[in-house]
């Protein structure tokens, strides 16, 4: 069995859905987002398990695990049992301790941005399997806008999607036996078929209970704190794709398609002809104006934001949201 299992991909691409489906398997437990390699520097040279833990315990996903004192103690017993403890021993102990709650014999973790750290996590976990999910960038933008943690403009998000898609393809080509790409749209159209392929690749049998993931109270997402993940408590909706056809102005679509570049076509996403007229030109002007405003407002916020304490590892967007609520 390939384990642990890491679920990665561009935010708002279906990483939560895929992790919820896997978490419903009797042998698999997927932890909430840890940001082990991103915010906490788990792969940084010279980092210690103690240093990383100080950051980890402040992450919302780790707090959602609601570890008991006994579990924390057991976690550190596992870390210290290693001959020369390193940060990856901490993540392994955290995942193993979390999986013990349900009796699962394999654990996994879902932090979308860990896509950039695939070589490092594969080095740290030689038997790991990585599932990278890709979604149409136009639908990603429709889902991304309005998220409290998103500060990117449409062009920035489109360029980010391009980099993520390129990395996903590169890792699959570089590590063909350890990285598998999943298209979000294929998962919606045939969840049972895709899950059978995925579980076979992971080395476990498919279970029908995975398709009933939405009936479970628990899961790798706290929908009370993150209401944008509420769909993990609903059945899969096959129609939740190609919304850009009716909800995205052609000027916005043109910008995304241009910046997304070759990866858009390489992943099988269509590019219908555009209608270039006065409305289209005015739409382009509006996109660039909104982009300038978004970037300017972001820099203004950063200049006004007080410097944070060195031991404060709470996500920046939560500090920003708290400040807005106080005002």
C-alpha atoms as a PDB file:
ATOM      1  CA  UNK A   1       0.000   0.000   0.000  1.00  0.00           C
ATOM      2  CA  UNK A   2       1.234   3.498  -0.847  1.00  0.00           C
ATOM      3  CA  UNK A   3       1.174   5.417   2.411  1.00  0.00           C
ATOM      4  CA  UNK A   4       1.013   8.018   3.728  1.00  0.00           C
ATOM      5  CA  UNK A   5      -1.271   9.619   1.140  1.00  0.00           C
ATOM      6  CA  UNK A   6      -0.824  13.290   0.295  1.00  0.00           C
ATOM      7  CA  UNK A   7      -3.619  15.177  -1.490  1.00  0.00           C
ATOM      8  CA  UNK A   8      -2.379  18.317  -3.251  1.00  0.00           C
ATOM      9  CA  UNK A   9      -3.496  20.786  -5.915  1.00  0.00           C
ATOM     10  CA  UNK A  10      -4.551  24.364  -6.547  1.00  0.00           C
ATOM     11  CA  UNK A  11      -6.897  25.620  -3.797  1.00  0.00           C
ATOM     12  CA  UNK A  12     -10.589  25.314  -4.777  1.00  0.00           C
ATOM     13  CA  UNK A  13      -9.783  22.447  -7.147  1.00  0.00           C
ATOM     14  CA  UNK A  14     -11.462  19.640  -5.217  1.00  0.00           C
ATOM     15  CA  UNK A  15      -8.756  18.706  -2.720  1.00  0.00           C
ATOM     16  CA  UNK A  16     -11.308  18.734   0.114  1.00  0.00           C
ATOM     17  CA  UNK A  17     -13.726  16.521  -1.811  1.00  0.00           C
ATOM     18  CA  UNK A  18     -11.031  13.985  -2.698  1.00  0.00           C
ATOM     19  CA  UNK A  19      -9.704  13.881   0.864  1.00  0.00           C
ATOM     20  CA  UNK A  20     -13.236  13.421   2.240  1.00  0.00           C
ATOM     21  CA  UNK A  21     -13.807  10.487  -0.132  1.00  0.00           C
ATOM     22  CA  UNK A  22     -10.546   8.861   0.941  1.00  0.00           C
ATOM     23  CA  UNK A  23     -11.211   9.552   4.615  1.00  0.00           C
ATOM     24  CA  UNK A  24     -14.456   7.574   4.328  1.00  0.00           C
ATOM     25  CA  UNK A  25     -12.430   4.407   3.580  1.00  0.00           C
ATOM     26  CA  UNK A  26     -12.200   2.055   6.559  1.00  0.00           C
ATOM     27  CA  UNK A  27      -8.411   1.766   6.265  1.00  0.00           C
ATOM     28  CA  UNK A  28      -7.565   5.420   5.625  1.00  0.00           C
ATOM     29  CA  UNK A  29      -7.648   8.522   7.835  1.00  0.00           C
ATOM     30  CA  UNK A  30      -6.946  11.908   6.246  1.00  0.00           C
ATOM     31  CA  UNK A  31      -5.937  14.664   8.646  1.00  0.00           C
ATOM     32  CA  UNK A  32      -7.106  18.262   8.281  1.00  0.00           C
ATOM     33  CA  UNK A  33      -4.668  20.682   6.659  1.00  0.00           C
ATOM     34  CA  UNK A  34      -1.399  20.935   8.597  1.00  0.00           C
ATOM     35  CA  UNK A  35       0.652  23.237   6.320  1.00  0.00           C
ATOM     36  CA  UNK A  36       3.627  21.233   7.571  1.00  0.00           C
ATOM     37  CA  UNK A  37       5.899  22.102   4.634  1.00  0.00           C
ATOM     38  CA  UNK A  38       4.464  25.534   3.814  1.00  0.00           C
ATOM     39  CA  UNK A  39       3.844  27.659   6.903  1.00  0.00           C
ATOM     40  CA  UNK A  40       5.757  25.475   9.360  1.00  0.00           C
ATOM     41  CA  UNK A  41       8.931  24.782   7.407  1.00  0.00           C
ATOM     42  CA  UNK A  42       8.882  21.039   7.991  1.00  0.00           C
ATOM     43  CA  UNK A  43      11.348  20.492   5.160  1.00  0.00           C
ATOM     44  CA  UNK A  44      13.641  23.390   6.021  1.00  0.00           C
ATOM     45  CA  UNK A  45      17.239  22.473   6.676  1.00  0.00           C
ATOM     46  CA  UNK A  46      18.094  22.818  10.348  1.00  0.00           C
ATOM     47  CA  UNK A  47      14.474  22.808  11.527  1.00  0.00           C
ATOM     48  CA  UNK A  48      13.784  20.711  14.624  1.00  0.00           C
ATOM     49  CA  UNK A  49      10.665  18.782  15.559  1.00  0.00           C
ATOM     50  CA  UNK A  50      10.126  21.088  18.559  1.00  0.00           C
ATOM     51  CA  UNK A  51      10.307  24.210  16.383  1.00  0.00           C
ATOM     52  CA  UNK A  52       7.881  22.792  13.844  1.00  0.00           C
ATOM     53  CA  UNK A  53       5.479  21.686  16.587  1.00  0.00           C
ATOM     54  CA  UNK A  54       5.261  25.259  17.906  1.00  0.00           C
ATOM     55  CA  UNK A  55       3.981  26.273  14.491  1.00  0.00           C
ATOM     56  CA  UNK A  56       1.830  23.195  13.871  1.00  0.00           C
ATOM     57  CA  UNK A  57      -0.169  23.524  17.058  1.00  0.00           C
ATOM     58  CA  UNK A  58      -1.259  27.020  15.965  1.00  0.00           C
ATOM     59  CA  UNK A  59      -2.616  25.857  12.614  1.00  0.00           C
ATOM     60  CA  UNK A  60      -6.432  25.756  12.425  1.00  0.00           C
ATOM     61  CA  UNK A  61      -6.394  22.261  10.921  1.00  0.00           C
ATOM     62  CA  UNK A  62      -4.255  20.838  13.716  1.00  0.00           C
ATOM     63  CA  UNK A  63      -6.460  22.545  16.282  1.00  0.00           C
ATOM     64  CA  UNK A  64      -9.457  20.913  14.596  1.00  0.00           C
ATOM     65  CA  UNK A  65      -7.934  17.528  15.455  1.00  0.00           C
ATOM     66  CA  UNK A  66      -8.603  18.391  19.108  1.00  0.00           C
ATOM     67  CA  UNK A  67      -5.756  16.194  20.323  1.00  0.00           C
ATOM     68  CA  UNK A  68      -6.038  15.048  23.915  1.00  0.00           C
ATOM     69  CA  UNK A  69      -3.147  15.323  26.366  1.00  0.00           C
ATOM     70  CA  UNK A  70      -2.734  11.564  26.144  1.00  0.00           C
ATOM     71  CA  UNK A  71      -2.553  11.704  22.339  1.00  0.00           C
ATOM     72  CA  UNK A  72       0.036  14.498  22.431  1.00  0.00           C
ATOM     73  CA  UNK A  73       2.100  12.472  24.873  1.00  0.00           C
ATOM     74  CA  UNK A  74       1.837   9.397  22.647  1.00  0.00           C
ATOM     75  CA  UNK A  75       2.812  11.527  19.664  1.00  0.00           C
ATOM     76  CA  UNK A  76       6.032  12.655  21.331  1.00  0.00           C
ATOM     77  CA  UNK A  77       6.873   9.132  22.486  1.00  0.00           C
ATOM     78  CA  UNK A  78       6.796   8.173  18.808  1.00  0.00           C
ATOM     79  CA  UNK A  79       8.985  11.111  17.801  1.00  0.00           C
ATOM     80  CA  UNK A  80      11.593  10.436  20.473  1.00  0.00           C
ATOM     81  CA  UNK A  81      11.727   6.747  19.591  1.00  0.00           C
ATOM     82  CA  UNK A  82      13.474   7.668  16.346  1.00  0.00           C
ATOM     83  CA  UNK A  83      17.257   7.308  16.430  1.00  0.00           C
ATOM     84  CA  UNK A  84      17.761  10.923  15.349  1.00  0.00           C
ATOM     85  CA  UNK A  85      14.359  12.689  15.363  1.00  0.00           C
ATOM     86  CA  UNK A  86      13.681  15.019  12.436  1.00  0.00           C
ATOM     87  CA  UNK A  87      10.553  17.060  11.606  1.00  0.00           C
ATOM     88  CA  UNK A  88       9.146  14.377   9.301  1.00  0.00           C
ATOM     89  CA  UNK A  89       9.050  12.036  12.313  1.00  0.00           C
ATOM     90  CA  UNK A  90       6.694  14.558  13.906  1.00  0.00           C
ATOM     91  CA  UNK A  91       4.327  14.552  10.931  1.00  0.00           C
ATOM     92  CA  UNK A  92       4.422  10.753  10.829  1.00  0.00           C
ATOM     93  CA  UNK A  93       3.633  10.571  14.548  1.00  0.00           C
ATOM     94  CA  UNK A  94       0.818  13.093  14.165  1.00  0.00           C
ATOM     95  CA  UNK A  95      -0.777  11.175  11.290  1.00  0.00           C
ATOM     96  CA  UNK A  96      -0.386   7.809  13.007  1.00  0.00           C
ATOM     97  CA  UNK A  97      -1.869   9.096  16.265  1.00  0.00           C
ATOM     98  CA  UNK A  98      -4.785  10.648  14.398  1.00  0.00           C
ATOM     99  CA  UNK A  99      -5.456   7.423  12.449  1.00  0.00           C
ATOM    100  CA  UNK A 100      -5.582   5.380  15.662  1.00  0.00           C
ATOM    101  CA  UNK A 101      -8.898   7.028  16.531  1.00  0.00           C
ATOM    102  CA  UNK A 102     -10.702   5.093  13.810  1.00  0.00           C
ATOM    103  CA  UNK A 103      -8.442   2.067  13.679  1.00  0.00           C
ATOM    104  CA  UNK A 104      -7.189   3.022  10.210  1.00  0.00           C
ATOM    105  CA  UNK A 105      -3.873   1.472   9.255  1.00  0.00           C
ATOM    106  CA  UNK A 106      -2.890   4.261   6.850  1.00  0.00           C
ATOM    107  CA  UNK A 107      -2.952   8.013   7.240  1.00  0.00           C
ATOM    108  CA  UNK A 108      -2.925  10.859   4.802  1.00  0.00           C
ATOM    109  CA  UNK A 109      -2.764  14.638   4.748  1.00  0.00           C
ATOM    110  CA  UNK A 110      -4.336  17.318   2.581  1.00  0.00           C
ATOM    111  CA  UNK A 111      -2.654  20.693   2.206  1.00  0.00           C
ATOM    112  CA  UNK A 112      -3.127  21.964  -1.371  1.00  0.00           C
ATOM    113  CA  UNK A 113       0.088  24.017  -1.431  1.00  0.00           C
ATOM    114  CA  UNK A 114       2.200  20.980  -0.579  1.00  0.00           C
ATOM    115  CA  UNK A 115       2.209  20.455  -4.353  1.00  0.00           C
ATOM    116  CA  UNK A 116       5.308  22.664  -4.454  1.00  0.00           C
ATOM    117  CA  UNK A 117       7.041  20.384  -1.927  1.00  0.00           C
ATOM    118  CA  UNK A 118       6.388  16.989  -3.550  1.00  0.00           C
ATOM    119  CA  UNK A 119      10.096  16.068  -3.980  1.00  0.00           C
ATOM    120  CA  UNK A 120      10.728  16.852  -0.314  1.00  0.00           C
ATOM    121  CA  UNK A 121       7.765  14.919   1.055  1.00  0.00           C
ATOM    122  CA  UNK A 122       8.618  11.937  -1.155  1.00  0.00           C
ATOM    123  CA  UNK A 123      12.150  12.055   0.236  1.00  0.00           C
ATOM    124  CA  UNK A 124      10.806  12.195   3.790  1.00  0.00           C
ATOM    125  CA  UNK A 125       8.236   9.438   3.172  1.00  0.00           C
ATOM    126  CA  UNK A 126       9.694   6.880   0.725  1.00  0.00           C
ATOM    127  CA  UNK A 127       6.452   4.837   0.549  1.00  0.00           C
ATOM    128  CA  UNK A 128       4.119   7.806   0.128  1.00  0.00           C
ATOM    129  CA  UNK A 129       1.600   8.244  -2.654  1.00  0.00           C
ATOM    130  CA  UNK A 130       0.659  11.717  -3.920  1.00  0.00           C
ATOM    131  CA  UNK A 131      -2.714  12.485  -5.486  1.00  0.00           C
ATOM    132  CA  UNK A 132      -2.698  15.776  -7.385  1.00  0.00           C
ATOM    133  CA  UNK A 133      -6.110  17.077  -8.410  1.00  0.00           C
ATOM    134  CA  UNK A 134      -6.603  19.520 -11.297  1.00  0.00           C
ATOM    135  CA  UNK A 135      -9.716  21.564 -12.107  1.00  0.00           C
ATOM    136  CA  UNK A 136     -10.656  23.890 -14.974  1.00  0.00           C
ATOM    137  CA  UNK A 137      -9.024  27.253 -14.088  1.00  0.00           C
ATOM    138  CA  UNK A 138     -12.116  29.202 -15.088  1.00  0.00           C
ATOM    139  CA  UNK A 139     -14.201  27.335 -12.517  1.00  0.00           C
ATOM    140  CA  UNK A 140     -11.357  27.606 -10.024  1.00  0.00           C
ATOM    141  CA  UNK A 141     -11.576  31.394 -10.286  1.00  0.00           C
ATOM    142  CA  UNK A 142     -15.360  31.405  -9.852  1.00  0.00           C
ATOM    143  CA  UNK A 143     -14.881  29.340  -6.687  1.00  0.00           C
ATOM    144  CA  UNK A 144     -11.816  31.264  -5.504  1.00  0.00           C
ATOM    145  CA  UNK A 145     -13.183  34.795  -5.649  1.00  0.00           C
ATOM    146  CA  UNK A 146     -14.723  35.893  -2.397  1.00  0.00           C
ATOM    147  CA  UNK A 147     -12.737  33.445  -0.276  1.00  0.00           C
ATOM    148  CA  UNK A 148     -11.616  35.281   2.895  1.00  0.00           C
ATOM    149  CA  UNK A 149      -8.033  34.104   2.457  1.00  0.00           C
ATOM    150  CA  UNK A 150      -7.710  34.943  -1.242  1.00  0.00           C
ATOM    151  CA  UNK A 151      -5.925  38.197  -2.087  1.00  0.00           C
ATOM    152  CA  UNK A 152      -5.179  37.465  -5.739  1.00  0.00           C
ATOM    153  CA  UNK A 153      -6.694  39.195  -8.727  1.00  0.00           C
ATOM    154  CA  UNK A 154      -8.044  37.201 -11.660  1.00  0.00           C
ATOM    155  CA  UNK A 155      -4.800  37.389 -13.712  1.00  0.00           C
ATOM    156  CA  UNK A 156      -2.726  36.382 -10.686  1.00  0.00           C
ATOM    157  CA  UNK A 157      -4.994  33.404  -9.976  1.00  0.00           C
ATOM    158  CA  UNK A 158      -4.833  32.295 -13.626  1.00  0.00           C
ATOM    159  CA  UNK A 159      -1.023  32.467 -13.605  1.00  0.00           C
ATOM    160  CA  UNK A 160      -0.925  30.545 -10.331  1.00  0.00           C
ATOM    161  CA  UNK A 161      -3.137  27.837 -11.872  1.00  0.00           C
ATOM    162  CA  UNK A 162      -0.700  27.558 -14.781  1.00  0.00           C
ATOM    163  CA  UNK A 163       2.248  27.039 -12.398  1.00  0.00           C
ATOM    164  CA  UNK A 164       0.304  24.478 -10.350  1.00  0.00           C
ATOM    165  CA  UNK A 165      -0.783  22.575 -13.465  1.00  0.00           C
ATOM    166  CA  UNK A 166       2.775  22.521 -14.781  1.00  0.00           C
ATOM    167  CA  UNK A 167       4.099  21.257 -11.447  1.00  0.00           C
ATOM    168  CA  UNK A 168       1.426  18.567 -11.300  1.00  0.00           C
ATOM    169  CA  UNK A 169       2.411  17.314 -14.749  1.00  0.00           C
ATOM    170  CA  UNK A 170       6.120  17.541 -13.961  1.00  0.00           C
ATOM    171  CA  UNK A 171       5.859  15.561 -10.724  1.00  0.00           C
ATOM    172  CA  UNK A 172       3.756  12.881 -12.412  1.00  0.00           C
ATOM    173  CA  UNK A 173       6.378  12.532 -15.147  1.00  0.00           C
ATOM    174  CA  UNK A 174       9.299  12.636 -12.679  1.00  0.00           C
ATOM    175  CA  UNK A 175       7.756  10.256 -10.133  1.00  0.00           C
ATOM    176  CA  UNK A 176       5.370   8.115 -12.251  1.00  0.00           C
ATOM    177  CA  UNK A 177       5.038   5.386  -9.614  1.00  0.00           C
ATOM    178  CA  UNK A 178       4.375   7.752  -6.743  1.00  0.00           C
ATOM    179  CA  UNK A 179       2.339  10.674  -8.124  1.00  0.00           C
ATOM    180  CA  UNK A 180      -1.060  10.320  -9.776  1.00  0.00           C
ATOM    181  CA  UNK A 181      -3.083  13.138 -11.280  1.00  0.00           C
ATOM    182  CA  UNK A 182      -6.884  13.258 -10.976  1.00  0.00           C
ATOM    183  CA  UNK A 183      -9.119  15.586 -12.955  1.00  0.00           C
ATOM    184  CA  UNK A 184     -11.879  17.110 -10.824  1.00  0.00           C
ATOM    185  CA  UNK A 185     -14.375  16.880 -13.674  1.00  0.00           C
ATOM    186  CA  UNK A 186     -13.694  13.158 -14.146  1.00  0.00           C
ATOM    187  CA  UNK A 187     -14.278  12.633 -10.429  1.00  0.00           C
ATOM    188  CA  UNK A 188     -17.679  14.354 -10.692  1.00  0.00           C
ATOM    189  CA  UNK A 189     -18.709  12.418 -13.805  1.00  0.00           C
ATOM    190  CA  UNK A 190     -17.719   8.980 -12.541  1.00  0.00           C
ATOM    191  CA  UNK A 191     -16.775   8.979  -8.860  1.00  0.00           C
ATOM    192  CA  UNK A 192     -16.982   5.197  -8.468  1.00  0.00           C
ATOM    193  CA  UNK A 193     -14.791   4.563 -11.516  1.00  0.00           C
ATOM    194  CA  UNK A 194     -12.173   7.136 -10.511  1.00  0.00           C
ATOM    195  CA  UNK A 195     -12.108   5.900  -6.910  1.00  0.00           C
ATOM    196  CA  UNK A 196     -11.643   2.311  -8.072  1.00  0.00           C
ATOM    197  CA  UNK A 197      -8.643   3.433 -10.111  1.00  0.00           C
ATOM    198  CA  UNK A 198      -7.246   5.508  -7.267  1.00  0.00           C
ATOM    199  CA  UNK A 199      -7.652   2.845  -4.593  1.00  0.00           C
ATOM    200  CA  UNK A 200      -6.144   0.200  -6.871  1.00  0.00           C
ATOM    201  CA  UNK A 201      -3.167   2.498  -7.415  1.00  0.00           C
ATOM    202  CA  UNK A 202      -2.874   3.056  -3.663  1.00  0.00           C
ATOM    203  CA  UNK A 203      -3.026  -0.678  -3.036  1.00  0.00           C
ATOM    204  CA  UNK A 204      -6.349  -0.967  -1.204  1.00  0.00           C
ATOM    205  CA  UNK A 205      -9.746  -2.233  -2.274  1.00  0.00           C
ATOM    206  CA  UNK A 206     -12.541   0.127  -3.256  1.00  0.00           C
ATOM    207  CA  UNK A 207     -15.345   0.478  -0.693  1.00  0.00           C
ATOM    208  CA  UNK A 208     -18.881   1.623  -1.494  1.00  0.00           C
ATOM    209  CA  UNK A 209     -18.930   3.554   1.768  1.00  0.00           C
ATOM    210  CA  UNK A 210     -16.561   6.055   0.163  1.00  0.00           C
ATOM    211  CA  UNK A 211     -19.435   7.290  -1.981  1.00  0.00           C
ATOM    212  CA  UNK A 212     -21.440   7.946   1.183  1.00  0.00           C
ATOM    213  CA  UNK A 213     -18.790  10.273   2.583  1.00  0.00           C
ATOM    214  CA  UNK A 214     -21.357  13.041   3.029  1.00  0.00           C
ATOM    215  CA  UNK A 215     -23.339  11.029   5.578  1.00  0.00           C
ATOM    216  CA  UNK A 216     -20.515  11.116   8.119  1.00  0.00           C
ATOM    217  CA  UNK A 217     -20.380  13.713  10.890  1.00  0.00           C
ATOM    218  CA  UNK A 218     -16.606  13.734  11.019  1.00  0.00           C
ATOM    219  CA  UNK A 219     -14.157  14.396   8.229  1.00  0.00           C
ATOM    220  CA  UNK A 220     -11.009  16.333   7.277  1.00  0.00           C
ATOM    221  CA  UNK A 221     -12.811  19.717   7.171  1.00  0.00           C
ATOM    222  CA  UNK A 222     -14.420  21.877   9.851  1.00  0.00           C
ATOM    223  CA  UNK A 223     -17.380  23.350   7.981  1.00  0.00           C
ATOM    224  CA  UNK A 224     -18.358  25.515  10.960  1.00  0.00           C
ATOM    225  CA  UNK A 225     -15.055  27.379  10.720  1.00  0.00           C
ATOM    226  CA  UNK A 226     -14.737  26.968   6.948  1.00  0.00           C
ATOM    227  CA  UNK A 227     -18.289  27.260   5.560  1.00  0.00           C
ATOM    228  CA  UNK A 228     -16.980  27.219   1.994  1.00  0.00           C
ATOM    229  CA  UNK A 229     -16.327  23.483   2.493  1.00  0.00           C
ATOM    230  CA  UNK A 230     -19.962  22.681   3.332  1.00  0.00           C
ATOM    231  CA  UNK A 231     -20.299  20.501   0.227  1.00  0.00           C
ATOM    232  CA  UNK A 232     -18.405  17.756   2.042  1.00  0.00           C
ATOM    233  CA  UNK A 233     -21.750  17.049   3.752  1.00  0.00           C
ATOM    234  CA  UNK A 234     -23.648  16.787   0.471  1.00  0.00           C
ATOM    235  CA  UNK A 235     -23.632  14.139  -2.266  1.00  0.00           C
ATOM    236  CA  UNK A 236     -21.368  14.729  -5.255  1.00  0.00           C
ATOM    237  CA  UNK A 237     -23.019  17.121  -7.708  1.00  0.00           C
ATOM    238  CA  UNK A 238     -22.093  16.153 -11.306  1.00  0.00           C
ATOM    239  CA  UNK A 239     -23.280  19.566 -12.523  1.00  0.00           C
ATOM    240  CA  UNK A 240     -20.653  21.433 -10.508  1.00  0.00           C
ATOM    241  CA  UNK A 241     -18.460  22.006 -13.541  1.00  0.00           C
ATOM    242  CA  UNK A 242     -18.207  24.306 -16.570  1.00  0.00           C
ATOM    243  CA  UNK A 243     -20.035  27.037 -14.685  1.00  0.00           C
ATOM    244  CA  UNK A 244     -17.813  29.485 -16.522  1.00  0.00           C
ATOM    245  CA  UNK A 245     -19.944  28.969 -19.627  1.00  0.00           C
ATOM    246  CA  UNK A 246     -22.823  30.892 -18.025  1.00  0.00           C
ATOM    247  CA  UNK A 247     -21.234  32.795 -15.130  1.00  0.00           C
ATOM    248  CA  UNK A 248     -18.018  34.239 -16.578  1.00  0.00           C
ATOM    249  CA  UNK A 249     -17.889  37.260 -18.909  1.00  0.00           C
ATOM    250  CA  UNK A 250     -15.996  36.580 -22.118  1.00  0.00           C
ATOM    251  CA  UNK A 251     -13.321  39.152 -21.279  1.00  0.00           C
ATOM    252  CA  UNK A 252     -12.522  37.369 -17.998  1.00  0.00           C
ATOM    253  CA  UNK A 253     -12.516  34.030 -19.785  1.00  0.00           C
ATOM    254  CA  UNK A 254     -10.098  35.352 -22.384  1.00  0.00           C
ATOM    255  CA  UNK A 255      -7.648  36.550 -19.727  1.00  0.00           C
ATOM    256  CA  UNK A 256      -7.742  33.216 -17.894  1.00  0.00           C
ATOM    257  CA  UNK A 257      -7.350  31.179 -21.085  1.00  0.00           C
ATOM    258  CA  UNK A 258      -4.451  33.323 -22.284  1.00  0.00           C
ATOM    259  CA  UNK A 259      -2.567  33.176 -18.976  1.00  0.00           C
ATOM    260  CA  UNK A 260      -3.354  29.505 -18.290  1.00  0.00           C
ATOM    261  CA  UNK A 261      -1.602  28.753 -21.581  1.00  0.00           C
ATOM    262  CA  UNK A 262      -0.762  25.274 -22.941  1.00  0.00           C
ATOM    263  CA  UNK A 263      -1.644  23.422 -19.669  1.00  0.00           C
ATOM    264  CA  UNK A 264      -5.302  24.343 -20.260  1.00  0.00           C
ATOM    265  CA  UNK A 265      -5.413  22.399 -23.511  1.00  0.00           C
ATOM    266  CA  UNK A 266      -3.045  19.676 -22.250  1.00  0.00           C
ATOM    267  CA  UNK A 267      -5.553  18.829 -19.506  1.00  0.00           C
ATOM    268  CA  UNK A 268      -8.398  18.558 -22.002  1.00  0.00           C
ATOM    269  CA  UNK A 269     -10.271  21.779 -21.232  1.00  0.00           C
ATOM    270  CA  UNK A 270     -12.169  23.341 -24.174  1.00  0.00           C
ATOM    271  CA  UNK A 271     -11.693  26.876 -25.490  1.00  0.00           C
ATOM    272  CA  UNK A 272     -14.825  27.934 -27.387  1.00  0.00           C
ATOM    273  CA  UNK A 273     -14.480  30.874 -29.810  1.00  0.00           C
ATOM    274  CA  UNK A 274     -14.682  34.344 -28.287  1.00  0.00           C
ATOM    275  CA  UNK A 275     -16.908  37.170 -29.475  1.00  0.00           C
ATOM    276  CA  UNK A 276     -14.668  40.211 -29.770  1.00  0.00           C
ATOM    277  CA  UNK A 277     -16.769  43.363 -29.819  1.00  0.00           C
ATOM    278  CA  UNK A 278     -17.185  46.584 -27.885  1.00  0.00           C
ATOM    279  CA  UNK A 279     -18.510  44.783 -24.829  1.00  0.00           C
ATOM    280  CA  UNK A 280     -15.484  42.505 -24.864  1.00  0.00           C
ATOM    281  CA  UNK A 281     -13.038  45.437 -25.043  1.00  0.00           C
ATOM    282  CA  UNK A 282     -14.797  47.258 -22.213  1.00  0.00           C
ATOM    283  CA  UNK A 283     -14.715  44.039 -20.192  1.00  0.00           C
ATOM    284  CA  UNK A 284     -10.947  43.799 -20.621  1.00  0.00           C
ATOM    285  CA  UNK A 285     -10.595  47.341 -19.322  1.00  0.00           C
ATOM    286  CA  UNK A 286     -12.672  46.447 -16.276  1.00  0.00           C
ATOM    287  CA  UNK A 287     -10.498  43.387 -15.588  1.00  0.00           C
ATOM    288  CA  UNK A 288      -7.318  45.459 -15.619  1.00  0.00           C
ATOM    289  CA  UNK A 289      -8.913  48.181 -13.468  1.00  0.00           C
ATOM    290  CA  UNK A 290     -10.075  45.638 -10.872  1.00  0.00           C
ATOM    291  CA  UNK A 291      -6.634  44.042 -10.925  1.00  0.00           C
ATOM    292  CA  UNK A 292      -4.953  47.369 -10.192  1.00  0.00           C
ATOM    293  CA  UNK A 293      -7.374  48.025  -7.346  1.00  0.00           C
ATOM    294  CA  UNK A 294      -6.880  44.550  -5.878  1.00  0.00           C
ATOM    295  CA  UNK A 295      -3.093  44.771  -5.958  1.00  0.00           C
ATOM    296  CA  UNK A 296      -3.127  48.319  -4.559  1.00  0.00           C
ATOM    297  CA  UNK A 297      -5.479  47.401  -1.724  1.00  0.00           C
ATOM    298  CA  UNK A 298      -3.359  44.364  -0.874  1.00  0.00           C
ATOM    299  CA  UNK A 299      -0.177  46.397  -0.590  1.00  0.00           C
ATOM    300  CA  UNK A 300      -2.003  49.028   1.430  1.00  0.00           C
ATOM    301  CA  UNK A 301      -3.170  46.405   3.919  1.00  0.00           C
ATOM    302  CA  UNK A 302       0.321  44.998   4.233  1.00  0.00           C
ATOM    303  CA  UNK A 303       1.837  48.409   4.897  1.00  0.00           C
ATOM    304  CA  UNK A 304      -0.750  49.069   7.611  1.00  0.00           C
ATOM    305  CA  UNK A 305      -0.427  45.646   9.231  1.00  0.00           C
ATOM    306  CA  UNK A 306       1.665  45.652  12.434  1.00  0.00           C
ATOM    307  CA  UNK A 307       4.644  43.321  12.523  1.00  0.00           C
ATOM    308  CA  UNK A 308       3.676  39.990  14.052  1.00  0.00           C
ATOM    309  CA  UNK A 309       5.481  38.344  16.965  1.00  0.00           C
ATOM    310  CA  UNK A 310       8.077  35.744  15.856  1.00  0.00           C
ATOM    311  CA  UNK A 311       6.194  32.981  17.669  1.00  0.00           C
ATOM    312  CA  UNK A 312       2.834  33.874  16.069  1.00  0.00           C
ATOM    313  CA  UNK A 313       2.144  31.293  13.350  1.00  0.00           C
ATOM    314  CA  UNK A 314      -1.598  31.849  12.959  1.00  0.00           C
ATOM    315  CA  UNK A 315      -2.531  32.249   9.259  1.00  0.00           C
ATOM    316  CA  UNK A 316      -2.361  35.855   8.127  1.00  0.00           C
ATOM    317  CA  UNK A 317      -5.867  35.841   6.666  1.00  0.00           C
ATOM    318  CA  UNK A 318      -7.323  34.984  10.083  1.00  0.00           C
ATOM    319  CA  UNK A 319      -5.580  38.004  11.622  1.00  0.00           C
ATOM    320  CA  UNK A 320      -6.938  40.146   8.788  1.00  0.00           C
ATOM    321  CA  UNK A 321     -10.450  38.806   9.213  1.00  0.00           C
ATOM    322  CA  UNK A 322     -10.343  39.355  12.984  1.00  0.00           C
ATOM    323  CA  UNK A 323      -9.275  42.954  12.439  1.00  0.00           C
ATOM    324  CA  UNK A 324     -12.115  43.555   9.991  1.00  0.00           C
ATOM    325  CA  UNK A 325     -14.636  42.096  12.428  1.00  0.00           C
ATOM    326  CA  UNK A 326     -13.357  44.393  15.214  1.00  0.00           C
ATOM    327  CA  UNK A 327     -13.853  47.406  12.988  1.00  0.00           C
END
